[in-house]
Amino acid sequence: MKQNNIVADKSKLFAIRIVNLYKYLCTEKKEYVISKQILRSGTSIGANIKESIYAQSKMDFISKLSIALKEASESEYWLELLFNTNYISQPQFESIHSDCVELIKLLTSIIKSSKS
């Protein structure tokens, strides 16, 4: 995996959005439990993708990206929960959720092509 690549770049931008969402939820909404969960899972995606760049083997590469995919799926869950409990508005949800879904699709595609 190259150091300058789409999935790494998109995951970093997503992590930045997640950090800003966390700050918003804590300061504006006084929400501390779910916000901590979304912070952990949303920033973990990029960290695992970054680790995959220096994977020791093809299986290690796939493993790291699989963990990133799981974290993206978890992030999607927390985003849906935040929206369904009215902590974030529909426009906020749709914007960040679409980024999350895009990461899920990219990771799924990379993992599938790496396995074949």
N, C-alpha and C. Protein backbone atom coordinates (compact mmCIF):
# COMPACT_ATOMS: atom_id res chain seq x y z
N MET A 1 0.85 -1.18 0.00
CA MET A 1 0.00 0.00 0.00
C MET A 1 0.90 1.24 0.00
N LYS A 2 0.63 2.16 -0.86
CA LYS A 2 1.42 3.39 -0.95
C LYS A 2 1.11 4.31 0.23
N GLN A 3 2.08 5.17 0.55
CA GLN A 3 1.85 6.10 1.66
C GLN A 3 0.83 7.18 1.30
N ASN A 4 0.86 7.66 0.08
CA ASN A 4 -0.12 8.65 -0.35
C ASN A 4 -1.19 7.92 -1.14
N ASN A 5 -2.28 7.59 -0.47
CA ASN A 5 -3.34 6.86 -1.14
C ASN A 5 -4.70 7.37 -0.69
N ILE A 6 -5.69 7.07 -1.48
CA ILE A 6 -7.03 7.60 -1.26
C ILE A 6 -7.61 7.17 0.07
N VAL A 7 -7.53 5.89 0.38
CA VAL A 7 -8.16 5.41 1.62
C VAL A 7 -7.47 5.98 2.86
N ALA A 8 -6.16 6.13 2.83
CA ALA A 8 -5.44 6.73 3.96
C ALA A 8 -5.82 8.20 4.11
N ASP A 9 -5.88 8.90 2.99
CA ASP A 9 -6.24 10.33 3.02
C ASP A 9 -7.67 10.53 3.51
N LYS A 10 -8.58 9.72 2.99
CA LYS A 10 -9.99 9.84 3.38
C LYS A 10 -10.20 9.47 4.84
N SER A 11 -9.47 8.48 5.31
CA SER A 11 -9.62 8.09 6.71
C SER A 11 -9.09 9.17 7.65
N LYS A 12 -8.04 9.86 7.24
CA LYS A 12 -7.50 10.95 8.06
C LYS A 12 -8.49 12.12 8.11
N LEU A 13 -9.06 12.46 6.96
CA LEU A 13 -10.07 13.53 6.94
C LEU A 13 -11.29 13.15 7.77
N PHE A 14 -11.67 11.87 7.71
CA PHE A 14 -12.79 11.38 8.51
C PHE A 14 -12.45 11.50 10.00
N ALA A 15 -11.25 11.13 10.38
CA ALA A 15 -10.83 11.24 11.78
C ALA A 15 -10.88 12.68 12.27
N ILE A 16 -10.48 13.61 11.42
CA ILE A 16 -10.54 15.03 11.79
C ILE A 16 -11.99 15.45 12.02
N ARG A 17 -12.88 14.99 11.14
CA ARG A 17 -14.31 15.30 11.32
C ARG A 17 -14.84 14.68 12.61
N ILE A 18 -14.38 13.48 12.94
CA ILE A 18 -14.81 12.80 14.16
C ILE A 18 -14.33 13.55 15.40
N VAL A 19 -13.09 14.02 15.38
CA VAL A 19 -12.56 14.79 16.51
C VAL A 19 -13.39 16.07 16.69
N ASN A 20 -13.72 16.73 15.59
CA ASN A 20 -14.54 17.94 15.68
C ASN A 20 -15.96 17.61 16.15
N LEU A 21 -16.50 16.48 15.73
CA LEU A 21 -17.82 16.05 16.22
C LEU A 21 -17.76 15.78 17.72
N TYR A 22 -16.70 15.13 18.16
CA TYR A 22 -16.51 14.86 19.59
C TYR A 22 -16.50 16.17 20.39
N LYS A 23 -15.75 17.14 19.92
CA LYS A 23 -15.67 18.43 20.62
C LYS A 23 -17.05 19.10 20.66
N TYR A 24 -17.78 19.05 19.55
CA TYR A 24 -19.13 19.61 19.47
C TYR A 24 -20.07 18.92 20.46
N LEU A 25 -20.03 17.59 20.48
CA LEU A 25 -20.93 16.84 21.36
C LEU A 25 -20.64 17.13 22.83
N CYS A 26 -19.38 17.26 23.17
CA CYS A 26 -19.01 17.54 24.56
C CYS A 26 -19.36 18.96 24.98
N THR A 27 -19.07 19.93 24.13
CA THR A 27 -19.27 21.32 24.52
C THR A 27 -20.72 21.79 24.32
N GLU A 28 -21.31 21.45 23.20
CA GLU A 28 -22.66 21.95 22.88
C GLU A 28 -23.78 21.06 23.43
N LYS A 29 -23.58 19.76 23.36
CA LYS A 29 -24.65 18.83 23.73
C LYS A 29 -24.45 18.18 25.10
N LYS A 30 -23.28 18.40 25.68
CA LYS A 30 -22.93 17.81 26.99
C LYS A 30 -23.12 16.29 26.98
N GLU A 31 -22.71 15.67 25.88
CA GLU A 31 -22.81 14.22 25.71
C GLU A 31 -21.39 13.68 25.78
N TYR A 32 -21.15 12.75 26.72
CA TYR A 32 -19.79 12.29 26.96
C TYR A 32 -19.57 10.79 26.73
N VAL A 33 -20.62 10.01 26.71
CA VAL A 33 -20.47 8.56 26.62
C VAL A 33 -20.37 8.12 25.16
N ILE A 34 -21.39 8.40 24.37
CA ILE A 34 -21.38 8.00 22.96
C ILE A 34 -20.29 8.76 22.21
N SER A 35 -20.07 10.01 22.59
CA SER A 35 -19.05 10.81 21.92
C SER A 35 -17.66 10.18 22.08
N LYS A 36 -17.39 9.61 23.24
CA LYS A 36 -16.11 8.94 23.46
C LYS A 36 -16.00 7.68 22.60
N GLN A 37 -17.12 6.97 22.44
CA GLN A 37 -17.13 5.76 21.62
C GLN A 37 -16.86 6.09 20.15
N ILE A 38 -17.53 7.13 19.64
CA ILE A 38 -17.34 7.51 18.23
C ILE A 38 -15.93 8.06 18.03
N LEU A 39 -15.39 8.73 19.03
CA LEU A 39 -14.01 9.23 18.94
C LEU A 39 -13.04 8.07 18.80
N ARG A 40 -13.21 7.04 19.60
CA ARG A 40 -12.29 5.89 19.56
C ARG A 40 -12.39 5.13 18.25
N SER A 41 -13.62 4.79 17.85
CA SER A 41 -13.75 3.99 16.63
C SER A 41 -13.44 4.81 15.38
N GLY A 42 -13.86 6.05 15.36
CA GLY A 42 -13.66 6.89 14.17
C GLY A 42 -12.22 7.26 13.89
N THR A 43 -11.43 7.37 14.94
CA THR A 43 -10.00 7.69 14.74
C THR A 43 -9.17 6.43 14.56
N SER A 44 -9.70 5.31 15.01
CA SER A 44 -8.99 4.03 14.88
C SER A 44 -8.91 3.55 13.43
N ILE A 45 -9.86 3.95 12.61
CA ILE A 45 -9.88 3.53 11.20
C ILE A 45 -8.56 3.91 10.53
N GLY A 46 -8.23 5.17 10.59
CA GLY A 46 -7.01 5.67 9.95
C GLY A 46 -5.75 5.11 10.57
N ALA A 47 -5.77 4.90 11.89
CA ALA A 47 -4.60 4.34 12.56
C ALA A 47 -4.31 2.93 12.04
N ASN A 48 -5.34 2.14 11.86
CA ASN A 48 -5.14 0.78 11.34
C ASN A 48 -4.75 0.78 9.87
N ILE A 49 -5.29 1.71 9.11
CA ILE A 49 -4.89 1.83 7.70
C ILE A 49 -3.41 2.22 7.63
N LYS A 50 -3.00 3.14 8.48
CA LYS A 50 -1.59 3.55 8.52
C LYS A 50 -0.70 2.38 8.89
N GLU A 51 -1.13 1.57 9.85
CA GLU A 51 -0.36 0.38 10.22
C GLU A 51 -0.23 -0.58 9.05
N SER A 52 -1.28 -0.69 8.24
CA SER A 52 -1.27 -1.64 7.12
C SER A 52 -0.21 -1.28 6.08
N ILE A 53 0.16 -0.02 6.02
CA ILE A 53 1.18 0.42 5.06
C ILE A 53 2.50 -0.32 5.30
N TYR A 54 2.79 -0.59 6.55
CA TYR A 54 4.03 -1.27 6.90
C TYR A 54 3.78 -2.71 7.36
N ALA A 55 2.77 -3.32 6.81
CA ALA A 55 2.45 -4.70 7.17
C ALA A 55 3.62 -5.63 6.88
N GLN A 56 3.74 -6.66 7.69
CA GLN A 56 4.85 -7.61 7.55
C GLN A 56 4.58 -8.65 6.48
N SER A 57 3.31 -8.82 6.13
CA SER A 57 2.94 -9.81 5.12
C SER A 57 1.59 -9.42 4.52
N LYS A 58 1.21 -10.13 3.49
CA LYS A 58 -0.10 -9.89 2.88
C LYS A 58 -1.22 -10.17 3.88
N MET A 59 -1.07 -11.23 4.68
CA MET A 59 -2.08 -11.56 5.69
C MET A 59 -2.14 -10.47 6.77
N ASP A 60 -1.01 -9.92 7.15
CA ASP A 60 -0.98 -8.84 8.13
C ASP A 60 -1.67 -7.60 7.56
N PHE A 61 -1.41 -7.33 6.29
CA PHE A 61 -2.05 -6.22 5.58
C PHE A 61 -3.57 -6.37 5.61
N ILE A 62 -4.03 -7.55 5.25
CA ILE A 62 -5.47 -7.82 5.23
C ILE A 62 -6.06 -7.73 6.64
N SER A 63 -5.32 -8.22 7.61
CA SER A 63 -5.77 -8.17 9.00
C SER A 63 -5.95 -6.73 9.49
N LYS A 64 -4.96 -5.89 9.21
CA LYS A 64 -5.05 -4.48 9.63
C LYS A 64 -6.23 -3.77 8.96
N LEU A 65 -6.41 -4.03 7.67
CA LEU A 65 -7.53 -3.40 6.97
C LEU A 65 -8.87 -3.96 7.44
N SER A 66 -8.89 -5.21 7.83
CA SER A 66 -10.11 -5.81 8.37
C SER A 66 -10.49 -5.17 9.70
N ILE A 67 -9.50 -4.87 10.50
CA ILE A 67 -9.76 -4.16 11.76
C ILE A 67 -10.29 -2.76 11.46
N ALA A 68 -9.69 -2.08 10.49
CA ALA A 68 -10.16 -0.75 10.09
C ALA A 68 -11.62 -0.83 9.62
N LEU A 69 -11.96 -1.87 8.88
CA LEU A 69 -13.33 -2.05 8.41
C LEU A 69 -14.29 -2.25 9.58
N LYS A 70 -13.89 -3.03 10.56
CA LYS A 70 -14.72 -3.23 11.74
C LYS A 70 -14.94 -1.92 12.49
N GLU A 71 -13.89 -1.12 12.60
CA GLU A 71 -13.99 0.17 13.28
C GLU A 71 -14.91 1.13 12.50
N ALA A 72 -14.84 1.06 11.18
CA ALA A 72 -15.72 1.89 10.34
C ALA A 72 -17.18 1.48 10.54
N SER A 73 -17.41 0.19 10.61
CA SER A 73 -18.76 -0.31 10.84
C SER A 73 -19.27 0.13 12.22
N GLU A 74 -18.41 0.05 13.22
CA GLU A 74 -18.78 0.51 14.56
C GLU A 74 -19.07 2.01 14.55
N SER A 75 -18.27 2.76 13.84
CA SER A 75 -18.49 4.22 13.73
C SER A 75 -19.84 4.51 13.11
N GLU A 76 -20.19 3.73 12.10
CA GLU A 76 -21.50 3.92 11.46
C GLU A 76 -22.62 3.70 12.48
N TYR A 77 -22.47 2.68 13.31
CA TYR A 77 -23.46 2.41 14.36
C TYR A 77 -23.61 3.61 15.31
N TRP A 78 -22.49 4.14 15.79
CA TRP A 78 -22.54 5.28 16.73
C TRP A 78 -23.13 6.51 16.07
N LEU A 79 -22.81 6.73 14.79
CA LEU A 79 -23.41 7.86 14.07
C LEU A 79 -24.92 7.71 13.97
N GLU A 80 -25.37 6.52 13.65
CA GLU A 80 -26.82 6.27 13.57
C GLU A 80 -27.48 6.49 14.92
N LEU A 81 -26.82 6.05 15.98
CA LEU A 81 -27.36 6.23 17.33
C LEU A 81 -27.42 7.71 17.70
N LEU A 82 -26.38 8.46 17.38
CA LEU A 82 -26.38 9.90 17.65
C LEU A 82 -27.50 10.61 16.90
N PHE A 83 -27.73 10.19 15.67
CA PHE A 83 -28.81 10.79 14.88
C PHE A 83 -30.18 10.39 15.43
N ASN A 84 -30.36 9.12 15.73
CA ASN A 84 -31.65 8.63 16.21
C ASN A 84 -32.01 9.13 17.60
N THR A 85 -31.03 9.62 18.34
CA THR A 85 -31.30 10.19 19.67
C THR A 85 -31.23 11.72 19.65
N ASN A 86 -31.21 12.27 18.45
CA ASN A 86 -31.26 13.73 18.24
C ASN A 86 -30.06 14.51 18.76
N TYR A 87 -28.92 13.86 18.85
CA TYR A 87 -27.70 14.60 19.21
C TYR A 87 -27.09 15.30 18.00
N ILE A 88 -27.33 14.76 16.81
CA ILE A 88 -26.90 15.43 15.59
C ILE A 88 -28.09 15.54 14.64
N SER A 89 -28.07 16.59 13.84
CA SER A 89 -29.18 16.85 12.90
C SER A 89 -29.05 15.95 11.67
N GLN A 90 -30.10 15.92 10.89
CA GLN A 90 -30.08 15.12 9.67
C GLN A 90 -28.98 15.55 8.71
N PRO A 91 -28.81 16.88 8.45
CA PRO A 91 -27.70 17.28 7.56
C PRO A 91 -26.33 16.89 8.11
N GLN A 92 -26.13 17.03 9.41
CA GLN A 92 -24.86 16.62 10.02
C GLN A 92 -24.65 15.11 9.83
N PHE A 93 -25.69 14.35 10.12
CA PHE A 93 -25.61 12.90 9.98
C PHE A 93 -25.32 12.48 8.55
N GLU A 94 -26.08 13.01 7.61
CA GLU A 94 -25.93 12.60 6.21
C GLU A 94 -24.53 12.90 5.68
N SER A 95 -23.99 14.03 6.08
CA SER A 95 -22.67 14.43 5.61
C SER A 95 -21.58 13.48 6.12
N ILE A 96 -21.53 13.27 7.41
CA ILE A 96 -20.47 12.43 7.98
C ILE A 96 -20.74 10.95 7.73
N HIS A 97 -22.00 10.55 7.70
CA HIS A 97 -22.36 9.16 7.43
C HIS A 97 -21.94 8.76 6.02
N SER A 98 -22.12 9.65 5.07
CA SER A 98 -21.72 9.32 3.69
C SER A 98 -20.21 9.10 3.59
N ASP A 99 -19.43 9.86 4.36
CA ASP A 99 -17.98 9.64 4.41
C ASP A 99 -17.66 8.28 5.01
N CYS A 100 -18.38 7.90 6.03
CA CYS A 100 -18.17 6.62 6.69
C CYS A 100 -18.50 5.46 5.74
N VAL A 101 -19.62 5.56 5.05
CA VAL A 101 -20.03 4.53 4.10
C VAL A 101 -19.01 4.41 2.97
N GLU A 102 -18.48 5.53 2.54
CA GLU A 102 -17.46 5.51 1.48
C GLU A 102 -16.21 4.76 1.95
N LEU A 103 -15.80 4.99 3.19
CA LEU A 103 -14.65 4.27 3.74
C LEU A 103 -14.94 2.77 3.82
N ILE A 104 -16.14 2.41 4.23
CA ILE A 104 -16.52 1.00 4.31
C ILE A 104 -16.43 0.36 2.94
N LYS A 105 -16.93 1.03 1.93
CA LYS A 105 -16.89 0.48 0.56
C LYS A 105 -15.45 0.35 0.06
N LEU A 106 -14.64 1.37 0.30
CA LEU A 106 -13.23 1.31 -0.13
C LEU A 106 -12.49 0.17 0.56
N LEU A 107 -12.65 0.07 1.87
CA LEU A 107 -11.96 -0.98 2.62
C LEU A 107 -12.43 -2.37 2.19
N THR A 108 -13.72 -2.53 2.00
CA THR A 108 -14.27 -3.82 1.56
C THR A 108 -13.66 -4.21 0.21
N SER A 109 -13.58 -3.25 -0.70
CA SER A 109 -13.02 -3.51 -2.02
C SER A 109 -11.55 -3.89 -1.95
N ILE A 110 -10.77 -3.16 -1.16
CA ILE A 110 -9.34 -3.45 -1.04
C ILE A 110 -9.12 -4.82 -0.41
N ILE A 111 -9.88 -5.13 0.62
CA ILE A 111 -9.74 -6.43 1.28
C ILE A 111 -10.09 -7.57 0.31
N LYS A 112 -11.19 -7.42 -0.41
CA LYS A 112 -11.60 -8.46 -1.36
C LYS A 112 -10.55 -8.67 -2.44
N SER A 113 -10.04 -7.58 -3.01
CA SER A 113 -9.05 -7.71 -4.08
C SER A 113 -7.72 -8.24 -3.54
N SER A 114 -7.40 -7.95 -2.30
CA SER A 114 -6.16 -8.45 -1.71
C SER A 114 -6.24 -9.95 -1.42
N LYS A 115 -7.43 -10.43 -1.14
CA LYS A 115 -7.61 -11.86 -0.86
C LYS A 115 -7.58 -12.71 -2.13
N SER A 116 -7.88 -12.09 -3.26
CA SER A 116 -7.93 -12.88 -4.51
C SER A 116 -6.62 -12.86 -5.28
